[in-house]
C-alpha atoms as a PDB file:
ATOM      1  CA  UNK A   1     -20.057   0.352  44.937  1.00  0.00           C
ATOM      2  CA  UNK A   2     -19.519  -3.355  45.286  1.00  0.00           C
ATOM      3  CA  UNK A   3     -23.189  -3.871  46.180  1.00  0.00           C
ATOM      4  CA  UNK A   4     -24.324  -1.892  43.150  1.00  0.00           C
ATOM      5  CA  UNK A   5     -22.103  -3.901  40.810  1.00  0.00           C
ATOM      6  CA  UNK A   6     -23.470  -7.206  42.118  1.00  0.00           C
ATOM      7  CA  UNK A   7     -27.064  -5.964  41.640  1.00  0.00           C
ATOM      8  CA  UNK A   8     -26.424  -4.965  38.046  1.00  0.00           C
ATOM      9  CA  UNK A   9     -24.784  -8.339  37.335  1.00  0.00           C
ATOM     10  CA  UNK A  10     -27.748 -10.255  38.780  1.00  0.00           C
ATOM     11  CA  UNK A  11     -30.241  -8.103  36.876  1.00  0.00           C
ATOM     12  CA  UNK A  12     -28.421  -8.601  33.592  1.00  0.00           C
ATOM     13  CA  UNK A  13     -28.195 -12.363  34.091  1.00  0.00           C
ATOM     14  CA  UNK A  14     -31.999 -12.707  34.160  1.00  0.00           C
ATOM     15  CA  UNK A  15     -32.447 -11.073  30.746  1.00  0.00           C
ATOM     16  CA  UNK A  16     -32.499 -13.449  27.764  1.00  0.00           C
ATOM     17  CA  UNK A  17     -29.472 -13.219  25.552  1.00  0.00           C
ATOM     18  CA  UNK A  18     -29.685 -12.172  21.910  1.00  0.00           C
ATOM     19  CA  UNK A  19     -28.749 -15.702  20.817  1.00  0.00           C
ATOM     20  CA  UNK A  20     -31.576 -17.192  22.898  1.00  0.00           C
ATOM     21  CA  UNK A  21     -34.041 -14.708  21.430  1.00  0.00           C
ATOM     22  CA  UNK A  22     -32.946 -15.556  17.868  1.00  0.00           C
ATOM     23  CA  UNK A  23     -33.192 -19.280  18.593  1.00  0.00           C
ATOM     24  CA  UNK A  24     -36.721 -18.919  19.951  1.00  0.00           C
ATOM     25  CA  UNK A  25     -37.697 -16.792  16.963  1.00  0.00           C
ATOM     26  CA  UNK A  26     -36.379 -19.332  14.476  1.00  0.00           C
ATOM     27  CA  UNK A  27     -38.434 -22.063  16.149  1.00  0.00           C
ATOM     28  CA  UNK A  28     -41.585 -20.054  15.443  1.00  0.00           C
ATOM     29  CA  UNK A  29     -41.091 -19.903  11.645  1.00  0.00           C
ATOM     30  CA  UNK A  30     -41.277 -16.131  11.602  1.00  0.00           C
ATOM     31  CA  UNK A  31     -40.550 -15.964   7.882  1.00  0.00           C
ATOM     32  CA  UNK A  32     -43.576 -18.085   7.030  1.00  0.00           C
ATOM     33  CA  UNK A  33     -45.739 -16.074   9.421  1.00  0.00           C
ATOM     34  CA  UNK A  34     -44.757 -12.851   7.614  1.00  0.00           C
ATOM     35  CA  UNK A  35     -45.405 -14.441   4.206  1.00  0.00           C
ATOM     36  CA  UNK A  36     -48.876 -15.435   5.447  1.00  0.00           C
ATOM     37  CA  UNK A  37     -49.882 -11.766   5.388  1.00  0.00           C
ATOM     38  CA  UNK A  38     -48.655 -11.256   1.827  1.00  0.00           C
ATOM     39  CA  UNK A  39     -49.815 -14.519   0.231  1.00  0.00           C
ATOM     40  CA  UNK A  40     -51.781 -16.359   2.891  1.00  0.00           C
ATOM     41  CA  UNK A  41     -51.822 -19.830   1.304  1.00  0.00           C
ATOM     42  CA  UNK A  42     -48.059 -20.251   0.708  1.00  0.00           C
ATOM     43  CA  UNK A  43     -47.244 -21.402   4.284  1.00  0.00           C
ATOM     44  CA  UNK A  44     -49.968 -24.048   3.923  1.00  0.00           C
ATOM     45  CA  UNK A  45     -47.966 -25.600   1.074  1.00  0.00           C
ATOM     46  CA  UNK A  46     -44.836 -26.069   3.211  1.00  0.00           C
ATOM     47  CA  UNK A  47     -43.877 -28.007   6.334  1.00  0.00           C
ATOM     48  CA  UNK A  48     -44.681 -24.915   8.395  1.00  0.00           C
ATOM     49  CA  UNK A  49     -48.396 -25.699   8.090  1.00  0.00           C
ATOM     50  CA  UNK A  50     -48.190 -27.772  11.280  1.00  0.00           C
ATOM     51  CA  UNK A  51     -46.761 -24.918  13.358  1.00  0.00           C
ATOM     52  CA  UNK A  52     -49.518 -23.300  15.493  1.00  0.00           C
ATOM     53  CA  UNK A  53     -47.763 -19.922  15.278  1.00  0.00           C
ATOM     54  CA  UNK A  54     -47.820 -20.017  11.470  1.00  0.00           C
ATOM     55  CA  UNK A  55     -51.424 -21.278  11.429  1.00  0.00           C
ATOM     56  CA  UNK A  56     -52.484 -18.335  13.570  1.00  0.00           C
ATOM     57  CA  UNK A  57     -50.925 -15.844  11.163  1.00  0.00           C
ATOM     58  CA  UNK A  58     -52.304 -17.690   8.114  1.00  0.00           C
ATOM     59  CA  UNK A  59     -55.783 -17.301   9.605  1.00  0.00           C
ATOM     60  CA  UNK A  60     -55.135 -13.598  10.231  1.00  0.00           C
ATOM     61  CA  UNK A  61     -53.828 -13.192   6.664  1.00  0.00           C
ATOM     62  CA  UNK A  62     -56.894 -14.955   5.260  1.00  0.00           C
ATOM     63  CA  UNK A  63     -59.144 -12.658   7.292  1.00  0.00           C
ATOM     64  CA  UNK A  64     -57.286  -9.648   5.908  1.00  0.00           C
ATOM     65  CA  UNK A  65     -57.645 -10.994   2.354  1.00  0.00           C
ATOM     66  CA  UNK A  66     -61.401 -11.439   2.812  1.00  0.00           C
ATOM     67  CA  UNK A  67     -61.610  -7.896   4.197  1.00  0.00           C
ATOM     68  CA  UNK A  68     -59.829  -6.652   1.049  1.00  0.00           C
ATOM     69  CA  UNK A  69     -62.397  -8.503  -1.105  1.00  0.00           C
ATOM     70  CA  UNK A  70     -65.243  -6.916   0.845  1.00  0.00           C
ATOM     71  CA  UNK A  71     -63.623  -3.479   0.480  1.00  0.00           C
ATOM     72  CA  UNK A  72     -63.287  -4.061  -3.253  1.00  0.00           C
ATOM     73  CA  UNK A  73     -66.987  -5.022  -3.493  1.00  0.00           C
ATOM     74  CA  UNK A  74     -67.994  -1.921  -1.507  1.00  0.00           C
ATOM     75  CA  UNK A  75     -65.793   0.136  -3.787  1.00  0.00           C
ATOM     76  CA  UNK A  76     -67.998  -0.825  -6.724  1.00  0.00           C
ATOM     77  CA  UNK A  77     -70.727   1.500  -5.431  1.00  0.00           C
ATOM     78  CA  UNK A  78     -70.720   4.445  -7.824  1.00  0.00           C
ATOM     79  CA  UNK A  79     -69.184   7.687  -6.572  1.00  0.00           C
ATOM     80  CA  UNK A  80     -69.465   7.027  -2.808  1.00  0.00           C
ATOM     81  CA  UNK A  81     -67.537   3.777  -3.087  1.00  0.00           C
ATOM     82  CA  UNK A  82     -65.092   5.062  -5.678  1.00  0.00           C
ATOM     83  CA  UNK A  83     -64.098   8.319  -4.046  1.00  0.00           C
ATOM     84  CA  UNK A  84     -64.838   7.931  -0.328  1.00  0.00           C
ATOM     85  CA  UNK A  85     -65.177   4.368   0.955  1.00  0.00           C
ATOM     86  CA  UNK A  86     -62.588   2.513  -1.115  1.00  0.00           C
ATOM     87  CA  UNK A  87     -59.670   4.871  -0.393  1.00  0.00           C
ATOM     88  CA  UNK A  88     -60.456   4.908   3.343  1.00  0.00           C
ATOM     89  CA  UNK A  89     -60.842   1.123   3.509  1.00  0.00           C
ATOM     90  CA  UNK A  90     -57.645   0.554   1.516  1.00  0.00           C
ATOM     91  CA  UNK A  91     -55.608   2.745   3.847  1.00  0.00           C
ATOM     92  CA  UNK A  92     -57.120   1.071   6.938  1.00  0.00           C
ATOM     93  CA  UNK A  93     -56.467  -2.414   5.590  1.00  0.00           C
ATOM     94  CA  UNK A  94     -52.918  -1.485   4.575  1.00  0.00           C
ATOM     95  CA  UNK A  95     -52.278  -0.318   8.154  1.00  0.00           C
ATOM     96  CA  UNK A  96     -53.643  -3.644   9.441  1.00  0.00           C
ATOM     97  CA  UNK A  97     -51.333  -5.459   7.015  1.00  0.00           C
ATOM     98  CA  UNK A  98     -48.309  -3.597   8.389  1.00  0.00           C
ATOM     99  CA  UNK A  99     -49.430  -4.267  11.993  1.00  0.00           C
ATOM    100  CA  UNK A 100     -49.764  -7.988  11.231  1.00  0.00           C
ATOM    101  CA  UNK A 101     -46.356  -8.200   9.579  1.00  0.00           C
ATOM    102  CA  UNK A 102     -44.694  -6.371  12.466  1.00  0.00           C
ATOM    103  CA  UNK A 103     -46.343  -8.619  15.057  1.00  0.00           C
ATOM    104  CA  UNK A 104     -45.357 -11.748  13.133  1.00  0.00           C
ATOM    105  CA  UNK A 105     -41.772 -10.500  12.770  1.00  0.00           C
ATOM    106  CA  UNK A 106     -41.600  -9.877  16.523  1.00  0.00           C
ATOM    107  CA  UNK A 107     -42.906 -13.367  17.285  1.00  0.00           C
ATOM    108  CA  UNK A 108     -46.181 -12.114  18.772  1.00  0.00           C
ATOM    109  CA  UNK A 109     -49.437 -13.987  18.405  1.00  0.00           C
ATOM    110  CA  UNK A 110     -52.002 -11.192  18.811  1.00  0.00           C
ATOM    111  CA  UNK A 111     -55.079 -10.874  16.580  1.00  0.00           C
ATOM    112  CA  UNK A 112     -55.360  -7.902  14.263  1.00  0.00           C
ATOM    113  CA  UNK A 113     -57.408  -4.989  15.582  1.00  0.00           C
ATOM    114  CA  UNK A 114     -61.091  -4.977  14.550  1.00  0.00           C
ATOM    115  CA  UNK A 115     -61.034  -7.929  12.106  1.00  0.00           C
ATOM    116  CA  UNK A 116     -58.663 -10.352  13.852  1.00  0.00           C
ATOM    117  CA  UNK A 117     -61.357 -11.982  15.963  1.00  0.00           C
ATOM    118  CA  UNK A 118     -62.957 -13.408  12.803  1.00  0.00           C
ATOM    119  CA  UNK A 119     -59.772 -15.299  11.966  1.00  0.00           C
ATOM    120  CA  UNK A 120     -60.273 -17.597  14.927  1.00  0.00           C
ATOM    121  CA  UNK A 121     -63.362 -19.107  13.273  1.00  0.00           C
ATOM    122  CA  UNK A 122     -61.336 -20.761  10.483  1.00  0.00           C
ATOM    123  CA  UNK A 123     -60.602 -24.430  11.088  1.00  0.00           C
ATOM    124  CA  UNK A 124     -57.575 -25.944   9.334  1.00  0.00           C
END
């Protein structure tokens, strides 16, 4: 029993504490990264614009915004765009929006599926 207790103590000591996780998250400006998906240019108007984590999510948010503009333009096609393409594209882009917000809130720096690779081409 004594051996088992010492193993569990050593295993638990290697895990980061909740306070350490919160401190690391606050250093990454998670709030600004989440806002970047809703209104992509707002973080660029604050001091967070110099944070590479925020810049990454601003680029992803800008890519998502451009994808929404393209979906809107495709939706202008009579009948096919109105009733088939636009609803499908809107649902897909909304799912990508939720994925981006969740990843930003968790402190992850992964590109969005399908369209995220285009965000890397923006330079600012």
